[in-house]
Amino acid sequence: MTRADMIVVILAVALLPFLYITYWGPPQQGDALRVMVNGKETMTISLHEEKHITVQGSLGDSVINIHEGKARFISSPCRSKQCVHTGWLGHGGEFAACLPNRVSITVIAQEQRYDSIVF
């Protein structure tokens, strides 16, 4: 390994903490919840309201709960219930979907958290 190679490796290792803090650091708390059905936005709701929302999807009703700045699916007519098992979402960019019922929810914040969906 040459001296130039060693300098490049040291600079890359020194840059990693900065990149981690910038892109994968603490997420920002969400402000609102975007609800989509069949790929179309049906509503945007503040996460600061306590609510139960019933959304009509392809298979039936999905129920979404908003409580203390977080949201989650309570029930859905799909078989696997993966959307329900996703749990609470509260940070910008977090996402859950009931694909068979074609209902999805996304937490919206001033700055979305960097992940594979937001690029």
Protein backbone atom coordinates (compact mmCIF):
# COMPACT_ATOMS: atom_id res chain seq x y z
CA MET A 1 0.00 0.00 0.00
CA THR A 2 1.45 3.35 -1.02
CA ARG A 3 1.44 6.54 1.00
CA ALA A 4 -1.35 7.99 -1.21
CA ASP A 5 -3.50 4.89 -0.63
CA MET A 6 -3.01 5.23 3.11
CA ILE A 7 -4.07 8.91 3.01
CA VAL A 8 -7.25 8.03 1.07
CA VAL A 9 -8.14 5.29 3.57
CA ILE A 10 -7.56 7.60 6.55
CA LEU A 11 -9.68 10.35 4.99
CA ALA A 12 -12.49 7.90 4.21
CA VAL A 13 -12.49 6.56 7.78
CA ALA A 14 -12.44 10.13 9.16
CA LEU A 15 -15.41 11.06 6.95
CA LEU A 16 -17.62 8.16 8.08
CA PRO A 17 -18.80 9.68 11.42
CA PHE A 18 -19.80 12.90 9.65
CA LEU A 19 -21.82 10.97 7.05
CA TYR A 20 -23.46 8.84 9.73
CA ILE A 21 -24.56 11.85 11.76
CA THR A 22 -25.74 13.75 8.68
CA TYR A 23 -27.75 10.99 6.98
CA TRP A 24 -28.55 8.43 9.66
CA GLY A 25 -28.50 10.56 12.79
CA PRO A 26 -31.41 11.14 15.12
CA PRO A 27 -34.69 11.31 13.17
CA GLN A 28 -37.03 14.28 13.39
CA GLN A 29 -40.42 13.82 15.04
CA GLY A 30 -43.27 13.73 12.52
CA ASP A 31 -45.82 16.50 12.10
CA ALA A 32 -48.50 14.86 9.95
CA LEU A 33 -49.66 11.54 8.54
CA ARG A 34 -50.32 11.03 4.82
CA VAL A 35 -52.89 8.31 4.03
CA MET A 36 -52.93 6.86 0.54
CA VAL A 37 -55.43 4.45 -1.03
CA ASN A 38 -54.81 2.87 -4.45
CA GLY A 39 -51.78 5.15 -4.92
CA LYS A 40 -53.76 8.36 -4.42
CA GLU A 41 -53.49 10.63 -1.40
CA THR A 42 -56.83 10.62 0.39
CA MET A 43 -55.98 12.70 3.47
CA THR A 44 -53.25 14.34 5.50
CA ILE A 45 -53.86 14.46 9.25
CA SER A 46 -51.93 16.14 12.06
CA LEU A 47 -50.16 13.71 14.39
CA HIS A 48 -51.00 16.02 17.28
CA GLU A 49 -54.69 14.97 17.24
CA GLU A 50 -55.91 11.83 18.99
CA LYS A 51 -57.95 9.92 16.38
CA HIS A 52 -59.16 6.59 15.03
CA ILE A 53 -59.50 6.68 11.26
CA THR A 54 -61.31 4.11 9.15
CA VAL A 55 -60.06 3.92 5.56
CA GLN A 56 -61.90 1.96 2.86
CA GLY A 57 -59.46 -0.11 0.78
CA SER A 58 -59.83 -2.80 -1.89
CA LEU A 59 -60.61 -5.62 0.57
CA GLY A 60 -62.43 -3.65 3.26
CA ASP A 61 -61.76 -1.25 6.12
CA SER A 62 -58.33 -0.55 7.60
CA VAL A 63 -58.34 1.19 10.98
CA ILE A 64 -55.51 3.60 11.84
CA ASN A 65 -54.88 4.99 15.32
CA ILE A 66 -53.14 8.32 16.01
CA HIS A 67 -51.98 8.76 19.61
CA GLU A 68 -49.33 11.00 21.25
CA GLY A 69 -47.65 11.99 17.98
CA LYS A 70 -47.49 8.47 16.56
CA ALA A 71 -49.65 6.42 14.20
CA ARG A 72 -50.22 2.72 13.48
CA PHE A 73 -52.59 0.28 11.83
CA ILE A 74 -54.93 -1.26 14.42
CA SER A 75 -56.68 -3.67 12.07
CA SER A 76 -56.93 -4.51 8.41
CA PRO A 77 -58.73 -7.18 6.37
CA CYS A 78 -55.53 -8.71 4.96
CA ARG A 79 -54.43 -12.22 5.95
CA SER A 80 -50.85 -11.68 7.14
CA LYS A 81 -51.50 -8.47 9.16
CA GLN A 82 -47.96 -7.25 8.38
CA CYS A 83 -49.23 -3.67 8.48
CA VAL A 84 -50.51 -4.17 12.04
CA HIS A 85 -47.24 -5.79 13.15
CA THR A 86 -45.24 -2.79 11.86
CA GLY A 87 -46.14 -0.96 15.07
CA TRP A 88 -45.99 2.72 15.91
CA LEU A 89 -44.62 5.23 13.39
CA GLY A 90 -43.61 8.68 14.60
CA HIS A 91 -40.50 9.88 12.78
CA GLY A 92 -40.33 11.61 9.41
CA GLY A 93 -40.14 9.17 6.50
CA GLU A 94 -41.47 6.11 8.34
CA PHE A 95 -43.92 4.11 6.28
CA ALA A 96 -46.36 1.21 6.65
CA ALA A 97 -48.63 -0.39 4.07
CA CYS A 98 -51.34 -2.98 3.74
CA LEU A 99 -50.54 -4.08 0.20
CA PRO A 100 -53.50 -6.45 -0.29
CA ASN A 101 -55.88 -3.69 0.83
CA ARG A 102 -53.90 -1.01 -1.08
CA VAL A 103 -53.69 1.36 1.92
CA SER A 104 -50.45 3.03 3.05
CA ILE A 105 -49.45 5.59 5.66
CA THR A 106 -46.36 7.83 5.73
CA VAL A 107 -45.18 10.13 8.50
CA ILE A 108 -44.31 13.60 7.23
CA ALA A 109 -41.78 15.90 8.94
CA GLN A 110 -39.89 19.08 8.07
CA GLU A 111 -36.86 16.91 7.20
CA GLN A 112 -37.49 13.36 6.11
CA ARG A 113 -35.13 10.74 7.47
CA TYR A 114 -32.79 9.39 4.83
CA ASP A 115 -33.53 5.77 3.93
CA SER A 116 -33.98 3.57 0.89
CA ILE A 117 -37.37 5.11 0.06
CA VAL A 118 -36.26 8.77 0.20
CA PHE A 119 -33.44 9.19 -2.29
